[in-house]
Amino acid sequence: MRTPRRRLIAGLFLAPVLTGCFASGADGSPSSGSSGSEEGARLRVALAFGPTEHYTPYGQDAFIMSRLGVSEGLIKLDANGTAIPALAESWSSDKDGRSWVFTLRDARFQDGTAVTATAVASALTHAAEAEPPPAALSGVKLTAQALDEDRVWVGTSTADPVLPLRLSNPSLAIFSPKAYEKNGTVNPVGTATGPFEITKITGDTEAALNRFDGYWDGRAQAPGIDVRFIADGTARANALRTGQVDIAQAIPVSQIASLDEDTVHETDTARDTSLYLNTRSGPFTDPGLRAAAREAIGNSVIAKQVYEGYAQPAKGLFGPALPWAAGKRVAPTGRAKATAPGGKSITIATYSTRPELPEVAQVLQQDLQKAGFEVKLVVRGDSQVESDMLAGKYDAAVTSRNMMLDTGDPVSVLASDFTCHGTYSLSRLCDKNVDRLVAAAQTESDAAKRQDAAMKAEAAILGTDAVIPLVHVKAVQGIGKSVEGALFSWDERQYVGTGTRR
């Protein structure tokens, strides 16, 4: 490991402490395609979700690169959801939370160039100007500029007390100037800063990564990673069971019994499976019908029968991976009285990439039909369901969402998912009281007060019945017995690090 230019400056971590249960770990270095008998063999990883946007860092593909140790940002999150150093070794803000200064550590890009304040400011500017903007910047106007070689100034148009948490999002990873092309695309091949660099991409089916020798936080023990994108959960489980892969993401609960119990690892996450109701068009514009749908659904049955115990009946939007939530939860108020469905016809959409979701939808179909609805199910690709629901094409959708994935901040996800101008509002909710409570929560800089305000807003959202939380989901990953140091976290952002090897 190289000696850093400067020592870590303590006491400047001003971001709120939003607790979870993050299994943090280091990430590593070199570049060799050998199997490496002395250092361990190349890791073989099967991921459930392949690239859909040519590895652009501004969408969901950013999480592929984060999980594989390719890219990183200025900040990462620890086991409690607290912002801790990554490429930035320290930071501070002014009193109003609109102006921040980040001091960089000594690090290099995978193309050999230095991580400078100018390069970082340029990377953040490209992200801020991207169309559409990354989810982490929803509602935030961000600007950045270099103060000197090692310090970056970042400003926001309004106070943003959780900016460091926001900058932990993989969509705000830092790439070298070489990555940013004139047509607006970002080429991540050999231009990131993580312990592994992409060396080969085979469409949306495979990728090869080699260790990056210049990684600032030490040398990775695995010489590289061979990645396969396998959408079918049974095929992923089979690949693990037959020794074709070492790590398999998202093992379906139906396949767990077929695996050696020593290879099955479960982790509490901030992920929920929920039923989102279209509040702006169709039958569920009627609050009484939304209430009837909620009363008809038995989420304990879904937890036991569909998830076979690898989920808990939902008590709200924020589950057991966030220990603070249970003690701060506020009972929903203002719920409408249920009205008889009277044979109203509704269409529920979901996707099969997470194989439990169609089963959940079938259970919901039965529950809602018993209550008096006529129910049609549609199963499509996840991106299709989300885009169509955002456009109001379905009456309801069963989706799986990690509520802390975008920013690690509960208030930010409420703003994006449930306010009038939210950018990911599957329920298309526009409620003045919800907007008022979310806006009030956004001004809180104290962690505990921000959590309290988030739970008041949650209660108001649940009171509208725009979303019906069904279960809090455990992540079930397959890890070969020969693998050491795999990383699975509540925020699902990191799977391998410098200490991951076989």
Protein backbone atom coordinates (compact mmCIF):
# COMPACT_ATOMS: atom_id res chain seq x y z
CA MET A 1 0.00 0.00 0.00
CA ARG A 2 1.27 3.44 -0.85
CA THR A 3 1.77 6.07 1.82
CA PRO A 4 -1.03 8.67 1.69
CA ARG A 5 -0.19 12.32 1.11
CA ARG A 6 -1.95 13.42 4.24
CA ARG A 7 -3.29 12.03 7.43
CA LEU A 8 -6.99 11.50 7.96
CA ILE A 9 -8.54 14.57 9.49
CA ALA A 10 -10.90 13.46 12.25
CA GLY A 11 -13.97 15.21 13.52
CA LEU A 12 -15.29 16.58 10.23
CA PHE A 13 -17.89 13.94 9.51
CA LEU A 14 -20.99 16.08 9.64
CA ALA A 15 -23.40 13.80 7.75
CA PRO A 16 -26.29 12.38 9.76
CA VAL A 17 -25.82 8.92 11.24
CA LEU A 18 -28.57 6.85 9.62
CA THR A 19 -28.33 3.42 11.11
CA GLY A 20 -28.55 0.11 9.29
CA CYS A 21 -26.38 -2.99 9.31
CA PHE A 22 -23.70 -2.53 6.68
CA ALA A 23 -20.92 -5.11 6.39
CA SER A 24 -18.20 -2.82 5.18
CA GLY A 25 -14.85 -3.97 3.91
CA ALA A 26 -11.80 -2.89 1.97
CA ASP A 27 -11.33 -3.12 -1.74
CA GLY A 28 -8.08 -3.87 -3.56
CA SER A 29 -5.61 -3.68 -6.52
CA PRO A 30 -3.40 -5.26 -9.43
CA SER A 31 -3.97 -6.35 -13.03
CA SER A 32 -3.24 -9.93 -13.97
CA GLY A 33 -5.41 -12.49 -15.67
CA SER A 34 -3.62 -15.47 -14.15
CA SER A 35 -5.35 -17.95 -11.88
CA GLY A 36 -2.78 -17.08 -9.22
CA SER A 37 -2.15 -20.18 -7.12
CA GLU A 38 -0.23 -18.20 -4.49
CA GLU A 39 -2.75 -15.37 -4.32
CA GLY A 40 -5.96 -17.28 -4.87
CA ALA A 41 -7.86 -17.96 -8.06
CA ARG A 42 -10.03 -15.64 -10.09
CA LEU A 43 -13.48 -15.19 -8.64
CA ARG A 44 -16.46 -16.36 -10.67
CA VAL A 45 -19.57 -14.30 -9.99
CA ALA A 46 -23.14 -14.70 -11.28
CA LEU A 47 -25.28 -11.56 -11.06
CA ALA A 48 -29.03 -11.52 -11.52
CA PHE A 49 -29.28 -8.17 -13.25
CA GLY A 50 -27.23 -7.51 -16.36
CA PRO A 51 -26.27 -4.15 -17.80
CA THR A 52 -29.14 -2.39 -19.54
CA GLU A 53 -27.52 0.97 -20.28
CA HIS A 54 -24.08 0.07 -21.64
CA TYR A 55 -22.52 0.51 -18.19
CA THR A 56 -23.39 4.16 -17.85
CA PRO A 57 -22.73 5.23 -14.25
CA TYR A 58 -25.89 7.33 -14.13
CA GLY A 59 -28.40 4.48 -13.88
CA GLN A 60 -28.76 1.00 -12.43
CA ASP A 61 -25.61 -0.25 -14.17
CA ALA A 62 -23.65 1.82 -11.66
CA PHE A 63 -24.55 -0.74 -8.99
CA ILE A 64 -23.00 -3.54 -11.04
CA MET A 65 -19.69 -1.70 -11.00
CA SER A 66 -19.98 -0.89 -7.30
CA ARG A 67 -20.82 -4.48 -6.35
CA LEU A 68 -17.82 -5.79 -8.26
CA GLY A 69 -15.34 -3.31 -6.80
CA VAL A 70 -14.82 -1.41 -10.04
CA SER A 71 -15.96 2.07 -9.10
CA GLU A 72 -16.26 4.20 -6.00
CA GLY A 73 -17.12 7.74 -5.02
CA LEU A 74 -15.91 10.27 -2.52
CA ILE A 75 -17.90 8.63 0.28
CA LYS A 76 -19.14 5.21 1.33
CA LEU A 77 -21.44 4.00 4.10
CA ASP A 78 -20.49 1.98 7.17
CA ALA A 79 -22.43 -0.61 9.15
CA ASN A 80 -24.64 2.08 10.68
CA GLY A 81 -25.33 3.91 7.43
CA THR A 82 -22.91 6.67 8.41
CA ALA A 83 -20.88 8.47 5.75
CA ILE A 84 -17.22 7.45 5.97
CA PRO A 85 -14.18 8.20 3.78
CA ALA A 86 -13.61 6.69 0.37
CA LEU A 87 -11.80 8.87 -2.20
CA ALA A 88 -12.36 11.81 0.15
CA GLU A 89 -10.49 11.41 3.42
CA SER A 90 -12.33 14.26 5.17
CA TRP A 91 -14.97 16.91 4.62
CA SER A 92 -16.63 19.91 6.23
CA SER A 93 -19.54 22.22 5.51
CA ASP A 94 -20.64 25.74 6.26
CA LYS A 95 -23.45 26.39 8.72
CA ASP A 96 -26.27 26.47 6.19
CA GLY A 97 -25.34 23.12 4.58
CA ARG A 98 -25.14 24.55 1.05
CA SER A 99 -21.35 24.57 0.70
CA TRP A 100 -19.03 21.63 1.34
CA VAL A 101 -15.28 21.08 0.99
CA PHE A 102 -13.91 17.56 0.43
CA THR A 103 -10.22 16.83 0.93
CA LEU A 104 -8.99 14.02 -1.31
CA ARG A 105 -6.70 11.15 -0.40
CA ASP A 106 -3.73 10.07 -2.51
CA ALA A 107 -5.29 7.82 -5.16
CA ARG A 108 -4.94 6.97 -8.82
CA PHE A 109 -7.31 6.11 -11.62
CA GLN A 110 -6.97 2.76 -13.32
CA ASP A 111 -5.46 4.54 -16.35
CA GLY A 112 -2.55 5.61 -14.14
CA THR A 113 -3.45 9.26 -13.75
CA ALA A 114 -3.83 10.94 -10.36
CA VAL A 115 -7.18 11.58 -8.72
CA THR A 116 -7.08 15.36 -8.52
CA ALA A 117 -9.62 17.92 -7.41
CA THR A 118 -10.00 19.06 -11.02
CA ALA A 119 -10.81 15.51 -12.15
CA VAL A 120 -13.28 14.99 -9.31
CA ALA A 121 -15.04 18.31 -9.93
CA SER A 122 -15.32 17.44 -13.61
CA ALA A 123 -16.78 14.00 -12.83
CA LEU A 124 -19.39 15.45 -10.47
CA THR A 125 -20.28 18.15 -12.99
CA HIS A 126 -20.85 15.54 -15.68
CA ALA A 127 -23.16 13.64 -13.31
CA ALA A 128 -25.07 16.79 -12.40
CA GLU A 129 -25.59 17.62 -16.07
CA ALA A 130 -26.60 14.10 -17.13
CA GLU A 131 -30.05 13.61 -18.67
CA PRO A 132 -31.88 12.14 -16.93
CA PRO A 133 -29.94 12.97 -13.74
CA PRO A 134 -28.91 10.17 -11.38
CA ALA A 135 -31.57 9.28 -8.81
CA ALA A 136 -29.25 10.44 -6.02
CA LEU A 137 -29.46 13.99 -7.37
CA SER A 138 -33.23 14.07 -7.62
CA GLY A 139 -34.32 17.57 -6.67
CA VAL A 140 -30.75 18.71 -6.06
CA LYS A 141 -28.87 21.25 -8.17
CA LEU A 142 -25.21 20.45 -7.57
CA THR A 143 -22.10 22.34 -8.69
CA ALA A 144 -18.46 21.47 -8.09
CA GLN A 145 -15.07 23.08 -8.59
CA ALA A 146 -11.47 22.50 -7.60
CA LEU A 147 -10.07 24.73 -4.86
CA ASP A 148 -6.54 23.37 -5.26
CA GLU A 149 -4.96 20.02 -6.12
CA ASP A 150 -6.49 18.16 -3.19
CA ARG A 151 -9.68 20.00 -2.25
CA VAL A 152 -13.03 20.05 -4.03
CA TRP A 153 -15.81 22.52 -3.31
CA VAL A 154 -19.35 21.17 -3.80
CA GLY A 155 -22.36 23.44 -3.56
CA THR A 156 -26.11 22.94 -3.71
CA SER A 157 -28.80 25.49 -4.52
CA THR A 158 -30.57 24.79 -1.23
CA ALA A 159 -29.34 23.39 2.06
CA ASP A 160 -28.61 19.68 1.80
CA PRO A 161 -27.53 18.30 5.18
CA VAL A 162 -27.14 14.77 3.80
CA LEU A 163 -24.93 15.59 0.82
CA PRO A 164 -22.16 13.19 1.96
CA LEU A 165 -24.71 10.36 2.08
CA ARG A 166 -25.90 11.37 -1.37
CA LEU A 167 -22.35 11.23 -2.71
CA SER A 168 -22.05 7.60 -1.60
CA ASN A 169 -24.43 6.55 -4.38
CA PRO A 170 -22.63 4.47 -7.05
CA SER A 171 -24.11 6.76 -9.72
CA LEU A 172 -21.82 9.49 -8.40
CA ALA A 173 -18.67 7.41 -8.70
CA ILE A 174 -15.57 9.20 -9.91
CA PHE A 175 -14.00 8.32 -13.26
CA SER A 176 -10.91 9.75 -14.94
CA PRO A 177 -11.23 12.56 -17.49
CA LYS A 178 -10.50 9.99 -20.20
CA ALA A 179 -13.85 8.29 -19.48
CA TYR A 180 -16.06 11.22 -20.48
CA GLU A 181 -16.64 11.22 -24.22
CA LYS A 182 -17.88 14.04 -26.42
CA ASN A 183 -21.23 12.39 -27.10
CA GLY A 184 -22.02 12.40 -23.40
CA THR A 185 -21.31 8.73 -22.74
CA VAL A 186 -18.98 7.51 -20.01
CA ASN A 187 -16.55 4.68 -20.73
CA PRO A 188 -15.78 2.84 -17.47
CA VAL A 189 -13.24 0.43 -18.97
CA GLY A 190 -9.96 1.11 -17.16
CA THR A 191 -11.04 4.56 -15.95
CA ALA A 192 -12.45 3.99 -12.44
CA THR A 193 -10.59 3.85 -9.10
CA GLY A 194 -11.68 0.57 -7.48
CA PRO A 195 -9.60 -2.56 -6.76
CA PHE A 196 -10.79 -4.26 -9.97
CA GLU A 197 -10.84 -2.82 -13.46
CA ILE A 198 -13.03 -3.87 -16.37
CA THR A 199 -10.91 -5.34 -19.15
CA LYS A 200 -13.51 -7.00 -21.38
CA ILE A 201 -17.24 -6.65 -21.89
CA THR A 202 -19.22 -9.27 -23.80
CA GLY A 203 -22.52 -7.55 -24.51
CA ASP A 204 -24.92 -7.92 -21.60
CA THR A 205 -23.92 -11.51 -20.80
CA GLU A 206 -20.36 -11.45 -19.46
CA ALA A 207 -17.53 -9.22 -18.28
CA ALA A 208 -13.92 -9.77 -17.24
CA LEU A 209 -12.17 -7.78 -14.53
CA ASN A 210 -8.52 -7.76 -13.55
CA ARG A 211 -6.97 -6.59 -10.32
CA PHE A 212 -5.81 -2.97 -10.29
CA ASP A 213 -2.31 -2.74 -8.80
CA GLY A 214 -2.56 0.96 -8.02
CA TYR A 215 -5.54 0.82 -5.70
CA TRP A 216 -5.16 3.24 -2.80
CA ASP A 217 -6.47 0.89 -0.09
CA GLY A 218 -4.24 -2.12 -0.71
CA ARG A 219 -3.84 -5.01 -3.07
CA ALA A 220 -6.82 -7.27 -3.75
CA GLN A 221 -6.21 -10.93 -2.94
CA ALA A 222 -8.08 -12.20 -6.01
CA PRO A 223 -6.28 -11.63 -9.32
CA GLY A 224 -9.53 -10.94 -11.13
CA ILE A 225 -13.23 -11.61 -11.53
CA ASP A 226 -15.15 -13.36 -14.29
CA VAL A 227 -18.75 -12.19 -14.31
CA ARG A 228 -21.79 -13.84 -15.84
CA PHE A 229 -25.20 -12.19 -15.92
CA ILE A 230 -27.81 -14.90 -15.40
CA ALA A 231 -31.36 -13.63 -15.11
CA ASP A 232 -32.88 -17.03 -14.34
CA GLY A 233 -32.68 -17.73 -10.60
CA THR A 234 -32.74 -21.50 -11.01
CA ALA A 235 -29.81 -21.29 -13.42
CA ARG A 236 -27.84 -19.16 -10.93
CA ALA A 237 -28.46 -21.68 -8.18
CA ASN A 238 -27.45 -24.55 -10.47
CA ALA A 239 -24.24 -22.74 -11.44
CA LEU A 240 -23.33 -22.42 -7.75
CA ARG A 241 -24.28 -25.98 -6.89
CA THR A 242 -22.22 -27.44 -9.75
CA GLY A 243 -19.19 -25.29 -8.97
CA GLN A 244 -19.38 -23.13 -12.10
CA VAL A 245 -19.53 -19.93 -10.04
CA ASP A 246 -18.26 -18.95 -6.60
CA ILE A 247 -20.77 -16.23 -5.77
CA ALA A 248 -24.39 -16.11 -6.94
CA GLN A 249 -26.58 -13.10 -6.33
CA ALA A 250 -30.23 -13.36 -5.24
CA ILE A 251 -30.87 -17.07 -4.82
CA PRO A 252 -34.64 -17.68 -5.19
CA VAL A 253 -36.20 -19.10 -2.04
CA SER A 254 -37.51 -21.99 -4.12
CA GLN A 255 -33.90 -23.06 -4.80
CA ILE A 256 -32.47 -22.75 -1.29
CA ALA A 257 -33.30 -26.32 -0.30
CA SER A 258 -31.33 -27.63 -3.29
CA LEU A 259 -28.10 -26.00 -2.07
CA ASP A 260 -25.68 -27.03 0.65
CA GLU A 261 -26.73 -25.04 3.71
CA ASP A 262 -23.15 -23.84 4.17
CA THR A 263 -23.37 -21.99 0.85
CA VAL A 264 -26.57 -20.08 1.68
CA HIS A 265 -26.11 -16.72 3.36
CA GLU A 266 -28.96 -14.39 4.31
CA THR A 267 -28.72 -10.70 5.12
CA ASP A 268 -31.29 -8.22 6.35
CA THR A 269 -31.65 -5.46 3.81
CA ALA A 270 -33.63 -2.27 3.46
CA ARG A 271 -35.51 -3.92 0.56
CA ASP A 272 -39.29 -4.14 0.57
CA THR A 273 -41.73 -5.87 -1.71
CA SER A 274 -44.74 -3.59 -1.98
CA LEU A 275 -47.91 -3.05 -3.97
CA TYR A 276 -47.96 0.43 -5.48
CA LEU A 277 -51.42 1.74 -6.42
CA ASN A 278 -51.91 4.26 -9.23
CA THR A 279 -53.52 7.20 -7.44
CA ARG A 280 -53.80 9.46 -10.49
CA SER A 281 -55.79 7.38 -12.98
CA GLY A 282 -57.99 4.29 -12.91
CA PRO A 283 -59.98 2.76 -10.04
CA PHE A 284 -57.40 3.53 -7.35
CA THR A 285 -57.94 7.26 -7.63
CA ASP A 286 -60.70 6.39 -5.14
CA PRO A 287 -59.20 6.29 -1.61
CA GLY A 288 -61.97 3.93 -0.53
CA LEU A 289 -60.94 1.33 -3.11
CA ARG A 290 -57.30 1.70 -2.06
CA ALA A 291 -58.39 1.02 1.52
CA ALA A 292 -60.37 -2.00 0.34
CA ALA A 293 -57.26 -3.37 -1.38
CA ARG A 294 -55.18 -2.89 1.77
CA GLU A 295 -57.72 -4.62 3.97
CA ALA A 296 -57.94 -7.57 1.57
CA ILE A 297 -54.24 -8.40 1.63
CA GLY A 298 -52.58 -10.77 4.08
CA ASN A 299 -48.87 -10.00 4.10
CA SER A 300 -48.05 -12.68 6.68
CA VAL A 301 -49.15 -15.33 4.17
CA ILE A 302 -46.82 -13.83 1.58
CA ALA A 303 -43.89 -13.88 4.02
CA LYS A 304 -44.47 -17.51 4.99
CA GLN A 305 -45.65 -19.09 1.75
CA VAL A 306 -43.93 -17.14 -1.02
CA TYR A 307 -40.71 -16.14 0.78
CA GLU A 308 -40.67 -19.27 2.99
CA GLY A 309 -39.57 -17.25 5.99
CA TYR A 310 -36.84 -15.28 4.20
CA ALA A 311 -38.90 -12.13 4.68
CA GLN A 312 -40.90 -10.49 7.44
CA PRO A 313 -44.42 -9.05 7.17
CA ALA A 314 -43.95 -5.36 6.52
CA LYS A 315 -44.69 -2.90 9.29
CA GLY A 316 -43.98 0.12 7.14
CA LEU A 317 -41.57 1.32 4.47
CA PHE A 318 -38.45 0.94 6.62
CA GLY A 319 -37.74 -2.54 7.94
CA PRO A 320 -35.52 -4.39 10.44
CA ALA A 321 -32.28 -3.64 8.61
CA LEU A 322 -32.74 -0.11 9.96
CA PRO A 323 -32.97 -0.66 13.73
CA TRP A 324 -33.93 2.93 14.47
CA ALA A 325 -37.18 2.64 12.51
CA ALA A 326 -39.12 0.34 14.86
CA GLY A 327 -38.82 2.65 17.86
CA LYS A 328 -39.80 5.74 15.89
CA ARG A 329 -42.71 4.39 13.83
CA VAL A 330 -45.90 6.47 13.85
CA ALA A 331 -49.30 4.91 13.23
CA PRO A 332 -50.87 5.95 9.89
CA THR A 333 -53.65 8.51 10.19
CA GLY A 334 -56.38 9.79 7.91
CA ARG A 335 -57.06 6.52 6.14
CA ALA A 336 -60.26 6.39 4.13
CA LYS A 337 -63.02 3.93 4.94
CA ALA A 338 -62.99 0.93 2.62
CA THR A 339 -65.69 0.83 -0.02
CA ALA A 340 -66.98 -2.29 -1.76
CA PRO A 341 -65.05 -2.99 -4.99
CA GLY A 342 -68.24 -4.08 -6.77
CA GLY A 343 -66.39 -6.02 -9.44
CA LYS A 344 -64.05 -3.18 -10.40
CA SER A 345 -61.49 -4.43 -12.92
CA ILE A 346 -57.82 -3.74 -12.13
CA THR A 347 -54.53 -4.69 -13.78
CA ILE A 348 -51.51 -5.50 -11.62
CA ALA A 349 -48.09 -5.57 -13.26
CA THR A 350 -44.88 -7.14 -12.02
CA TYR A 351 -41.64 -8.61 -13.34
CA SER A 352 -39.99 -12.02 -13.19
CA THR A 353 -36.37 -10.99 -12.69
CA ARG A 354 -37.04 -11.49 -9.00
CA PRO A 355 -38.89 -14.83 -9.24
CA GLU A 356 -40.89 -14.34 -6.05
CA LEU A 357 -42.74 -11.33 -7.47
CA PRO A 358 -45.06 -13.19 -9.88
CA GLU A 359 -45.93 -15.54 -7.01
CA VAL A 360 -46.68 -12.55 -4.79
CA ALA A 361 -48.88 -11.11 -7.54
CA GLN A 362 -50.81 -14.37 -7.76
CA VAL A 363 -51.49 -14.32 -4.00
CA LEU A 364 -52.63 -10.71 -4.28
CA GLN A 365 -54.86 -11.63 -7.19
CA GLN A 366 -56.61 -14.25 -5.07
CA ASP A 367 -56.96 -11.90 -2.08
CA LEU A 368 -58.35 -9.07 -4.18
CA GLN A 369 -60.72 -11.28 -6.11
CA LYS A 370 -62.15 -12.55 -2.82
CA ALA A 371 -62.69 -8.92 -1.83
CA GLY A 372 -64.69 -8.23 -5.00
CA PHE A 373 -62.15 -6.96 -7.54
CA GLU A 374 -61.62 -8.45 -10.98
CA VAL A 375 -57.86 -8.80 -11.34
CA LYS A 376 -55.66 -9.21 -14.41
CA LEU A 377 -51.92 -9.89 -14.02
CA VAL A 378 -49.21 -8.70 -16.40
CA VAL A 379 -45.61 -9.95 -16.13
CA ARG A 380 -42.99 -8.00 -18.09
CA GLY A 381 -39.37 -6.88 -17.77
CA ASP A 382 -38.55 -4.85 -14.68
CA SER A 383 -37.60 -1.69 -16.60
CA GLN A 384 -40.81 -1.97 -18.66
CA VAL A 385 -43.02 -2.30 -15.59
CA GLU A 386 -41.38 0.66 -13.88
CA SER A 387 -41.53 2.96 -16.91
CA ASP A 388 -45.13 1.99 -17.67
CA MET A 389 -46.20 2.47 -14.06
CA LEU A 390 -44.54 5.87 -13.98
CA ALA A 391 -46.56 6.68 -17.11
CA GLY A 392 -49.79 5.50 -15.47
CA LYS A 393 -50.40 2.48 -17.71
CA TYR A 394 -51.30 0.06 -14.90
CA ASP A 395 -53.58 0.26 -11.90
CA ALA A 396 -51.01 -1.32 -9.60
CA ALA A 397 -47.53 -2.84 -9.58
CA VAL A 398 -45.74 -5.33 -7.36
CA THR A 399 -42.12 -4.24 -7.14
CA SER A 400 -39.05 -4.79 -4.98
CA ARG A 401 -37.21 -1.68 -3.81
CA ASN A 402 -34.28 -1.13 -1.48
CA MET A 403 -35.52 1.96 0.29
CA MET A 404 -32.01 3.16 1.13
CA LEU A 405 -30.26 2.24 -2.10
CA ASP A 406 -30.22 5.68 -3.71
CA THR A 407 -28.87 7.87 -0.93
CA GLY A 408 -28.82 6.01 2.38
CA ASP A 409 -31.18 8.74 3.60
CA PRO A 410 -34.82 7.85 4.42
CA VAL A 411 -36.10 11.34 3.65
CA SER A 412 -34.62 11.43 0.17
CA VAL A 413 -36.37 8.21 -0.86
CA LEU A 414 -39.70 9.53 0.43
CA ALA A 415 -39.19 12.68 -1.63
CA SER A 416 -38.40 10.77 -4.82
CA ASP A 417 -41.11 8.12 -4.42
CA PHE A 418 -44.11 9.85 -2.87
CA THR A 419 -44.14 13.61 -3.48
CA CYS A 420 -45.89 15.55 -6.22
CA HIS A 421 -42.66 16.17 -8.11
CA GLY A 422 -40.91 12.91 -7.20
CA THR A 423 -38.90 11.30 -9.97
CA TYR A 424 -39.67 7.69 -9.00
CA SER A 425 -43.32 7.94 -7.98
CA LEU A 426 -44.75 4.57 -9.00
CA SER A 427 -47.96 5.39 -7.14
CA ARG A 428 -48.08 8.85 -8.76
CA LEU A 429 -49.05 10.30 -5.41
CA CYS A 430 -49.60 14.03 -5.02
CA ASP A 431 -50.76 14.88 -1.51
CA LYS A 432 -50.24 18.31 0.07
CA ASN A 433 -49.85 16.94 3.58
CA VAL A 434 -47.24 14.39 2.48
CA ASP A 435 -45.32 17.07 0.58
CA ARG A 436 -45.40 19.35 3.62
CA LEU A 437 -44.06 16.68 5.98
CA VAL A 438 -41.36 15.55 3.56
CA ALA A 439 -40.26 19.15 3.00
CA ALA A 440 -40.03 19.67 6.76
CA ALA A 441 -37.97 16.50 7.12
CA GLN A 442 -35.56 17.64 4.42
CA THR A 443 -34.54 20.64 6.50
CA GLU A 444 -33.45 18.55 9.50
CA SER A 445 -29.69 18.11 9.85
CA ASP A 446 -29.70 16.31 13.20
CA ALA A 447 -29.81 12.55 12.54
CA ALA A 448 -32.34 11.64 15.22
CA LYS A 449 -34.66 14.53 14.35
CA ARG A 450 -34.41 13.67 10.65
CA GLN A 451 -35.42 10.08 11.41
CA ASP A 452 -38.36 11.28 13.53
CA ALA A 453 -39.50 13.53 10.71
CA ALA A 454 -39.11 10.73 8.18
CA MET A 455 -41.40 8.47 10.21
CA LYS A 456 -44.06 11.18 10.46
CA ALA A 457 -43.95 11.48 6.68
CA GLU A 458 -44.07 7.69 6.35
CA ALA A 459 -47.26 7.63 8.45
CA ALA A 460 -48.87 10.22 6.19
CA ILE A 461 -47.88 8.26 3.06
CA LEU A 462 -49.27 5.01 4.45
CA GLY A 463 -52.40 6.91 5.41
CA THR A 464 -53.11 7.56 1.73
CA ASP A 465 -52.88 3.83 0.90
CA ALA A 466 -50.90 4.79 -2.21
CA VAL A 467 -48.47 2.01 -1.33
CA ILE A 468 -49.14 -1.19 0.58
CA PRO A 469 -45.87 -2.57 2.02
CA LEU A 470 -46.01 -6.36 1.91
CA VAL A 471 -42.75 -7.79 3.26
CA HIS A 472 -39.27 -6.74 4.33
CA VAL A 473 -36.97 -8.95 2.26
CA LYS A 474 -33.80 -10.74 3.27
CA ALA A 475 -31.11 -11.00 0.60
CA VAL A 476 -30.15 -14.62 0.03
CA GLN A 477 -26.76 -15.02 -1.64
CA GLY A 478 -24.95 -18.16 -2.64
CA ILE A 479 -21.27 -18.28 -1.65
CA GLY A 480 -19.05 -21.25 -2.43
CA LYS A 481 -17.35 -22.94 0.51
CA SER A 482 -13.91 -22.02 -0.82
CA VAL A 483 -14.71 -18.29 -0.85
CA GLU A 484 -13.50 -16.01 1.93
CA GLY A 485 -14.32 -12.38 2.55
CA ALA A 486 -17.46 -11.94 0.43
CA LEU A 487 -19.31 -8.73 1.28
CA PHE A 488 -23.08 -8.49 1.43
CA SER A 489 -24.57 -5.37 2.89
CA TRP A 490 -27.95 -3.95 3.83
CA ASP A 491 -27.66 -1.41 1.01
CA GLU A 492 -26.65 -4.08 -1.57
CA ARG A 493 -23.85 -1.93 -2.95
CA GLN A 494 -20.80 -4.17 -2.47
CA TYR A 495 -20.20 -7.90 -2.97
CA VAL A 496 -16.42 -8.19 -3.35
CA GLY A 497 -13.48 -6.33 -1.85
CA THR A 498 -9.74 -6.60 -1.42
CA GLY A 499 -10.16 -9.47 1.00
CA THR A 500 -12.49 -11.56 -1.15
CA ARG A 501 -10.73 -14.65 -2.50
CA ARG A 502 -10.91 -18.37 -3.09
